[in-house]
Protein backbone atom coordinates (compact mmCIF):
# COMPACT_ATOMS: atom_id res chain seq x y z
CA MET A 1 118.82 120.38 70.80
CA ALA A 2 117.31 120.70 67.33
CA SER A 3 119.60 121.13 64.33
CA THR A 4 117.11 123.25 62.36
CA MET A 5 114.60 126.00 63.04
CA LYS A 6 111.97 128.03 61.21
CA ALA A 7 113.14 131.46 60.10
CA VAL A 8 111.52 134.37 58.32
CA ASN A 9 113.71 135.44 55.41
CA TYR A 10 113.29 138.91 53.93
CA ASN A 11 114.32 138.99 50.27
CA GLY A 12 112.94 142.41 49.30
CA PRO A 13 109.60 144.20 49.26
CA PHE A 14 106.73 141.66 49.36
CA LYS A 15 109.26 138.79 49.26
CA VAL A 16 109.10 137.27 52.74
CA LYS A 17 109.26 133.51 53.25
CA VAL A 18 109.22 131.16 56.24
CA GLN A 19 111.91 128.54 55.70
CA GLU A 20 113.55 125.72 57.64
CA VAL A 21 117.19 126.67 58.22
CA GLY A 22 120.16 125.46 60.25
CA MET A 23 120.54 126.71 63.82
CA PRO A 24 122.53 129.97 63.99
CA LYS A 25 125.99 130.12 65.51
CA ILE A 26 127.90 132.97 67.11
CA GLN A 27 130.71 133.86 64.67
CA HIS A 28 131.90 137.26 65.96
CA PRO A 29 132.21 138.73 69.48
CA ASP A 30 129.40 141.22 68.81
CA ASP A 31 126.93 138.69 67.30
CA VAL A 32 123.55 138.11 68.96
CA ILE A 33 121.11 135.22 68.61
CA LEU A 34 117.58 136.41 69.34
CA LYS A 35 114.67 134.05 69.99
CA VAL A 36 111.26 135.62 69.40
CA THR A 37 108.46 134.17 71.53
CA SER A 38 104.94 135.17 72.43
CA SER A 39 102.02 133.68 74.29
CA THR A 40 99.91 133.57 71.12
CA SER A 41 102.59 131.91 68.92
CA LYS A 42 102.50 134.92 66.61
CA ALA A 43 105.02 137.67 66.08
CA ALA A 44 105.11 140.79 63.95
CA ILE A 45 107.69 143.16 62.59
CA CYS A 46 107.34 146.74 61.48
CA GLY A 47 108.52 147.84 58.04
CA SER A 48 111.05 150.09 59.76
CA ASP A 49 112.61 146.99 61.38
CA LEU A 50 113.82 145.91 57.93
CA GLN A 51 116.02 148.97 57.39
């Protein structure tokens, strides 16, 4: 299994970056790791998703 992955980091309005980061780990019983996939290798988020 890979030790890093690409992640989209939101740092404020108009400050979104794709970065290579370490693989996430479950730290609390209610944590979730979500893998986003699509058949076109593209994904999108709505502005309301960032609230």
